[in-house]
Protein backbone atom coordinates (compact mmCIF):
# COMPACT_ATOMS: atom_id res chain seq x y z
CA MET A 1 96.56 82.75 61.61
CA ASP A 2 100.19 81.34 62.49
CA VAL A 3 101.82 81.88 66.00
CA ARG A 4 104.70 84.21 66.04
CA VAL A 5 106.90 82.37 68.00
CA SER A 6 109.63 84.65 67.99
CA LEU A 7 107.46 87.50 69.97
CA LEU A 8 106.18 84.75 72.37
CA SER A 9 109.64 83.78 73.03
CA THR A 10 110.79 87.58 73.32
CA LEU A 11 107.78 88.34 75.56
CA SER A 12 108.24 84.85 77.68
CA ARG A 13 112.10 84.93 78.15
CA ALA A 14 111.93 88.62 79.21
CA LEU A 15 112.81 89.14 83.21
CA ALA A 16 110.10 90.73 85.10
CA PRO A 17 108.56 89.18 88.49
CA SER A 18 105.80 91.16 89.97
CA GLY A 19 106.51 95.00 90.90
CA PHE A 20 109.61 94.70 88.31
CA GLU A 21 108.13 94.54 84.85
CA ASP A 22 110.27 97.42 83.36
CA ARG A 23 111.90 95.05 80.86
CA VAL A 24 108.37 93.23 79.61
CA ARG A 25 106.79 96.57 79.75
CA ASN A 26 109.25 97.95 77.36
CA LEU A 27 108.73 95.60 74.88
CA ILE A 28 105.12 95.80 74.79
CA ALA A 29 105.79 99.40 74.24
CA ASP A 30 107.78 99.14 71.51
CA GLU A 31 105.41 96.51 70.17
CA LEU A 32 102.20 99.06 70.33
CA THR A 33 104.23 101.43 68.75
CA SER A 34 105.09 100.16 65.57
CA MET A 35 101.83 99.19 64.74
CA GLY A 36 101.23 102.75 65.20
CA TYR A 37 99.75 102.93 68.38
CA GLU A 38 100.41 105.53 71.21
CA PRO A 39 100.67 103.59 74.61
CA ASN A 40 100.65 105.89 77.95
CA VAL A 41 101.92 104.35 81.40
CA ASP A 42 100.45 105.14 85.03
CA ARG A 43 102.11 105.81 88.09
CA LEU A 44 102.32 102.08 89.37
CA GLY A 45 103.77 100.85 85.69
CA ASN A 46 100.20 99.59 83.80
CA LEU A 47 100.68 100.10 79.87
CA TYR A 48 97.70 100.84 77.76
CA VAL A 49 96.21 102.37 74.62
CA THR A 50 92.29 103.62 74.70
CA LEU A 51 90.52 102.98 71.21
CA GLY A 52 87.04 105.25 71.33
CA GLU A 53 85.85 107.87 73.44
CA LYS A 54 82.57 107.26 74.70
CA ARG A 55 80.35 104.77 76.33
CA PRO A 56 80.35 101.72 77.65
CA LEU A 57 84.04 101.24 78.29
CA MET A 58 85.34 98.33 78.49
CA VAL A 59 89.02 96.94 79.76
CA VAL A 60 90.88 93.91 78.48
CA ALA A 61 93.50 93.39 80.28
CA ALA A 62 96.97 91.32 80.28
CA HIS A 63 99.07 90.89 83.14
CA MET A 64 103.29 91.72 82.82
CA ASP A 65 104.31 90.27 85.92
CA GLU A 66 105.19 86.39 86.31
CA VAL A 67 106.16 84.73 89.84
CA GLY A 68 109.19 85.40 91.28
CA PHE A 69 111.32 86.12 94.53
CA VAL A 70 113.27 88.46 95.86
CA VAL A 71 115.89 88.39 98.29
CA ARG A 72 115.51 88.74 102.05
CA TYR A 73 118.43 88.21 103.14
CA VAL A 74 122.23 87.37 102.22
CA GLU A 75 124.12 84.53 104.47
CA ASP A 76 128.03 85.54 105.63
CA SER A 77 128.53 81.93 103.64
CA GLY A 78 127.09 84.21 100.25
CA PHE A 79 124.01 82.22 99.91
CA LEU A 80 120.99 84.38 99.56
CA ARG A 81 117.48 83.91 101.34
CA LEU A 82 114.30 84.12 99.71
CA THR A 83 110.79 85.87 99.85
CA ALA A 84 108.11 84.73 97.50
CA LEU A 85 106.66 87.17 94.78
CA GLY A 86 103.28 85.72 93.57
CA GLY A 87 102.33 81.96 94.36
CA VAL A 88 105.59 79.77 93.43
CA ASN A 89 105.61 76.17 94.34
CA ALA A 90 108.59 75.86 96.42
CA SER A 91 109.09 71.84 95.37
CA VAL A 92 109.34 72.38 91.79
CA ALA A 93 112.09 75.59 92.27
CA GLN A 94 114.42 73.18 93.60
CA GLY A 95 117.53 72.54 91.30
CA HIS A 96 116.43 75.34 88.87
CA GLU A 97 118.50 78.12 87.25
CA VAL A 98 117.24 81.88 88.41
CA VAL A 99 118.81 85.17 87.49
CA VAL A 100 119.14 87.71 90.41
CA LEU A 101 118.56 91.24 88.68
CA GLY A 102 121.74 93.45 91.02
CA GLY A 103 122.38 96.57 90.88
CA LYS A 104 125.01 96.16 88.52
CA GLY A 105 124.01 93.46 85.80
CA GLU A 106 122.51 89.98 85.91
CA VAL A 107 123.83 86.96 88.41
CA GLU A 108 123.17 83.40 87.54
CA GLY A 109 122.59 81.05 90.02
CA ILE A 110 120.74 78.13 91.14
CA ILE A 111 117.83 77.25 93.80
CA GLY A 112 118.82 74.88 96.50
CA SER A 113 117.81 73.47 99.80
CA THR A 114 118.70 70.26 102.04
CA PRO A 115 119.00 66.97 100.50
CA PRO A 116 116.32 65.08 101.42
CA HIS A 117 118.74 62.00 102.26
CA LEU A 118 120.54 64.15 104.60
CA GLN A 119 117.09 64.77 106.33
CA THR A 120 117.17 61.13 107.93
CA GLY A 121 116.42 60.79 111.40
CA VAL A 122 114.34 64.15 111.22
CA GLN A 123 110.55 64.26 109.95
CA GLN A 124 110.41 65.41 106.83
CA LYS A 125 108.18 68.02 105.94
CA GLU A 126 106.64 69.48 102.61
CA VAL A 127 109.50 72.50 100.87
CA THR A 128 108.63 76.04 101.72
CA VAL A 129 109.66 78.72 100.22
CA ASP A 130 111.44 79.49 103.59
CA ASP A 131 114.02 76.72 103.05
CA LEU A 132 114.94 77.33 99.60
CA PHE A 133 118.48 79.40 98.89
CA VAL A 134 120.06 80.79 95.77
CA ASP A 135 123.72 79.71 95.10
CA VAL A 136 125.77 82.36 93.52
CA CYS A 137 128.75 80.73 93.74
CA ALA A 138 129.91 83.18 95.83
CA SER A 139 132.31 82.57 98.90
CA SER A 140 130.80 85.30 101.41
CA ARG A 141 128.46 87.76 102.18
CA GLU A 142 131.01 90.82 100.73
CA GLU A 143 131.24 89.20 97.57
CA VAL A 144 127.50 88.96 97.00
CA LEU A 145 127.37 92.41 97.99
CA SER A 146 130.10 93.25 95.34
CA ARG A 147 128.21 91.62 92.59
CA GLY A 148 125.42 94.35 93.32
CA VAL A 149 123.12 92.00 94.88
CA THR A 150 120.83 93.02 98.43
CA ILE A 151 118.17 92.64 100.27
CA GLY A 152 115.19 93.29 97.76
CA SER A 153 117.00 92.10 94.83
CA PRO A 154 114.46 89.99 92.48
CA VAL A 155 115.19 86.92 91.54
CA CYS A 156 113.43 84.98 88.10
CA PHE A 157 113.25 81.86 86.64
CA ALA A 158 115.90 81.52 83.84
CA PRO A 159 114.87 82.69 80.30
CA ARG A 160 113.84 79.19 78.55
CA PHE A 161 111.43 79.23 75.51
CA VAL A 162 111.53 76.20 73.10
CA ASP A 163 109.05 75.37 69.80
CA TRP A 164 108.16 72.17 69.79
CA GLY A 165 106.03 72.04 66.80
CA ASP A 166 102.17 71.98 67.92
CA CYS A 167 103.28 73.28 71.23
CA VAL A 168 105.77 75.53 72.68
CA ALA A 169 107.54 75.58 76.14
CA GLY A 170 108.75 78.52 78.14
CA LYS A 171 109.15 80.49 81.48
CA ALA A 172 106.52 82.94 82.46
CA LEU A 173 103.57 81.79 79.91
CA ASP A 174 101.32 83.04 82.77
CA ASP A 175 100.43 85.65 81.43
CA ARG A 176 103.16 86.10 78.56
CA VAL A 177 101.27 84.09 76.50
CA GLY A 178 97.85 86.54 77.62
CA CYS A 179 100.28 89.69 76.74
CA TYR A 180 101.13 88.07 73.34
CA VAL A 181 97.12 87.52 72.98
CA LEU A 182 96.57 91.00 73.55
CA LEU A 183 99.20 92.22 71.10
CA GLU A 184 98.38 90.19 68.55
CA ALA A 185 94.24 91.01 68.80
CA LEU A 186 95.77 94.70 68.41
CA ARG A 187 98.03 94.19 65.52
CA GLU A 188 95.92 95.03 62.15
CA GLY A 189 94.22 97.78 63.94
CA VAL A 190 90.86 97.92 65.42
CA ASN A 191 88.20 100.33 65.41
CA PRO A 192 85.36 99.53 68.17
CA SER A 193 81.92 99.30 67.00
CA VAL A 194 80.62 100.62 69.79
CA GLY A 195 81.75 102.37 73.31
CA THR A 196 85.40 102.33 73.74
CA VAL A 197 87.96 99.61 74.66
CA VAL A 198 91.34 100.27 76.77
CA ALA A 199 93.49 97.66 75.91
CA ALA A 200 95.77 97.24 79.26
CA PHE A 201 99.06 95.25 80.28
CA THR A 202 99.04 95.13 83.72
CA VAL A 203 101.79 95.05 86.66
CA GLN A 204 101.27 93.28 90.17
CA GLU A 205 98.70 90.89 89.28
CA GLU A 206 100.63 87.79 90.98
CA THR A 207 100.93 89.42 94.25
CA GLY A 208 96.89 90.83 94.40
CA LEU A 209 95.59 92.24 91.19
CA ARG A 210 97.10 95.62 92.48
CA GLY A 211 97.62 96.92 88.95
CA ALA A 212 94.28 96.19 87.76
CA LEU A 213 92.62 97.95 91.11
CA ALA A 214 94.15 101.17 89.59
CA LEU A 215 93.01 100.86 86.45
CA ALA A 216 89.16 100.27 87.83
CA HIS A 217 89.84 103.23 89.96
CA LYS A 218 91.44 105.23 86.89
CA PHE A 219 88.76 104.10 84.33
CA ASP A 220 85.71 102.85 86.18
CA PRO A 221 84.70 100.32 83.09
CA ASP A 222 81.72 99.16 82.17
CA TYR A 223 83.03 95.52 81.89
CA ALA A 224 86.39 94.18 81.92
CA VAL A 225 87.93 90.93 80.16
CA ALA A 226 90.83 88.95 81.44
CA LEU A 227 93.16 87.54 79.47
CA GLU A 228 95.24 84.58 81.14
CA GLY A 229 97.61 81.59 81.03
CA THR A 230 95.64 79.53 82.98
CA ILE A 231 95.57 75.90 85.05
CA ALA A 232 95.72 72.86 82.12
CA ASN A 233 95.64 70.02 84.49
CA ASP A 234 94.98 67.34 82.09
CA VAL A 235 97.70 65.39 83.32
CA PRO A 236 97.67 61.75 84.56
CA GLY A 237 96.35 61.64 88.20
CA THR A 238 94.00 64.34 88.16
CA PRO A 239 90.24 62.95 88.28
CA PRO A 240 88.00 64.33 85.34
CA ASP A 241 85.97 66.05 87.43
CA ARG A 242 88.91 67.83 89.05
CA VAL A 243 90.38 69.08 85.80
CA VAL A 244 90.42 72.57 85.23
CA THR A 245 91.26 73.05 81.65
CA ARG A 246 92.43 70.38 78.95
CA MET A 247 95.06 72.16 76.51
CA GLY A 248 93.99 71.62 73.15
CA LEU A 249 90.19 72.08 73.21
CA GLY A 250 90.18 75.66 72.72
CA PRO A 251 90.43 78.83 74.71
CA ALA A 252 88.91 78.48 78.03
CA LEU A 253 86.07 81.46 78.80
CA ARG A 254 85.87 81.48 82.71
CA VAL A 255 82.06 81.19 84.48
CA MET A 256 83.46 81.44 88.09
CA ASP A 257 86.67 81.53 89.99
CA ARG A 258 87.56 82.73 93.91
CA THR A 259 87.24 86.30 93.08
CA ILE A 260 84.58 86.62 90.45
CA VAL A 261 81.38 85.12 89.53
CA ALA A 262 81.60 86.00 85.30
CA SER A 263 78.53 88.19 84.35
CA VAL A 264 76.14 85.55 82.41
CA GLU A 265 75.85 88.46 79.66
CA LEU A 266 79.18 88.97 78.92
CA LEU A 267 79.91 85.32 78.93
CA ASN A 268 77.14 85.00 76.58
CA HIS A 269 78.46 87.65 74.26
CA LEU A 270 81.87 85.77 74.33
CA LYS A 271 80.37 82.70 73.53
CA SER A 272 78.34 83.49 70.64
CA LEU A 273 81.51 85.33 69.13
CA ALA A 274 83.30 82.57 69.14
CA GLU A 275 80.17 79.89 68.20
CA ASN A 276 79.32 82.51 64.94
CA ALA A 277 82.92 82.33 63.82
CA GLY A 278 83.40 78.26 64.54
CA VAL A 279 86.32 79.13 66.92
CA PRO A 280 86.41 76.31 69.67
CA TYR A 281 86.53 77.44 73.24
CA GLN A 282 85.63 75.33 76.63
CA LEU A 283 83.74 76.45 80.16
CA GLN A 284 86.18 76.71 82.96
CA ILE A 285 85.40 77.38 86.90
CA SER A 286 88.34 77.81 88.88
CA PRO A 287 87.54 77.88 92.40
CA TYR A 288 91.17 78.35 94.05
CA SER A 289 92.69 81.22 91.59
CA GLY A 290 91.97 84.48 90.40
CA THR A 291 93.20 86.91 87.68
CA ASP A 292 92.62 90.42 87.17
CA ALA A 293 89.04 90.40 86.78
CA GLY A 294 88.58 90.24 90.40
CA GLY A 295 90.10 93.47 90.27
CA PHE A 296 87.54 94.96 88.09
CA THR A 297 85.01 93.36 89.52
CA HIS A 298 85.68 95.07 93.02
CA HIS A 299 84.74 98.35 91.28
CA GLY A 300 81.49 97.17 90.16
CA ALA A 301 82.36 96.55 86.53
CA ALA A 302 80.59 92.91 84.61
CA SER A 303 83.72 90.77 84.32
CA THR A 304 84.95 87.25 82.79
CA ALA A 305 88.24 86.14 81.71
CA VAL A 306 89.76 84.37 78.62
CA SER A 307 92.44 81.65 78.93
CA VAL A 308 95.09 79.58 77.50
CA PRO A 309 95.21 76.66 78.83
CA VAL A 310 98.87 76.13 80.21
CA ARG A 311 100.14 73.43 81.89
CA TYR A 312 102.47 73.74 85.15
CA ILE A 313 101.87 77.74 85.19
CA HIS A 314 103.90 78.88 88.24
CA SER A 315 106.43 76.52 87.97
CA PRO A 316 110.01 77.36 85.88
CA VAL A 317 108.59 76.31 82.65
CA SER A 318 105.35 75.53 81.40
CA VAL A 319 103.56 74.09 77.81
CA ALA A 320 100.87 75.41 75.67
CA LYS A 321 99.58 74.44 72.59
CA LYS A 322 99.78 77.11 69.50
CA SER A 323 95.82 76.49 68.44
CA ASP A 324 94.78 77.35 71.64
CA ILE A 325 96.80 80.66 71.60
CA GLU A 326 95.74 81.18 68.15
CA HIS A 327 92.25 80.59 68.89
CA ALA A 328 92.50 83.03 71.91
CA VAL A 329 93.85 85.51 69.04
CA ALA A 330 90.74 85.72 67.44
CA ILE A 331 88.08 85.62 69.91
CA VAL A 332 89.87 88.84 71.77
CA LYS A 333 90.20 90.36 68.08
CA MET A 334 86.26 90.15 67.89
CA LEU A 335 85.59 91.07 71.36
CA VAL A 336 88.01 94.20 71.00
CA GLU A 337 86.06 94.91 67.25
CA ASN A 338 82.52 93.96 68.44
CA PRO A 339 82.30 94.96 72.15
CA TRP A 340 79.02 94.05 74.33
CA PRO A 341 76.74 96.76 74.08
CA ARG A 342 75.99 96.80 78.01
CA ARG A 343 72.56 98.76 77.83
């Protein structure tokens, strides 16, 4: 099984910050329709297809949104001040290109802040989003407004995707890689051996698991599995006991995180599926992060997550290994075809 680089690139490059997912939702809807599915969209913007009719019901969910910003203020000089959508690391955002989604189209810009060498004589502090601004090469507030940019306009990191052979690098692999995995698991058509599977692409995960919570209320699932691009911090300076996941060791099956303690039975089912098929995996404990699984757990569903290790998530460009993506597709396809027959 090879990674469909063109599809992953298209998903990665789509501009869809949390709350503004329509561009990537349209791409996914078209892809599902071309496979013969009939996707549905709820009032919040979640996209889903339903396979089967009986209990137990499992939701498998990947979120469509990415971290980004909204414009909170336009300076008289034409610079844009920002508020974060999700957990953006402000220190890595400086100097990177962005796209402002204005009412008259896309406006390109670059994120700036006060240069460090001009902070001499004052106590330097950690950069926050409040310190950032976007330079769209405008000379006045009026010029910015004339381009269709105003308070509330969403801002994304600029599209970027490259194929490095064994790896890919691109914007928003958290969680476009999860969307890709779910699409590929559904590509050849699936018929769950028991119960019902809802394959969902959710909104606003980065700003509070809101799409997952809405689906949890709608479907009242017996169990749920989130699909993620997760923290791979196997980089210089990380002590071995602090490594969350490592690239190249297979998808991560989640044991616990900030929002869930995984269902032991569901986790064991996933492990058995992988082991019986000879698919590598690793176990993940991630006490400072969460996924859509938390939204389903809050509604009483037994939950866990299957994640592709991704370096540098929530930054302008992140990196994933193709073998991890391929193995994640294999596990998720097996799960959708052979759901846990919870009794």
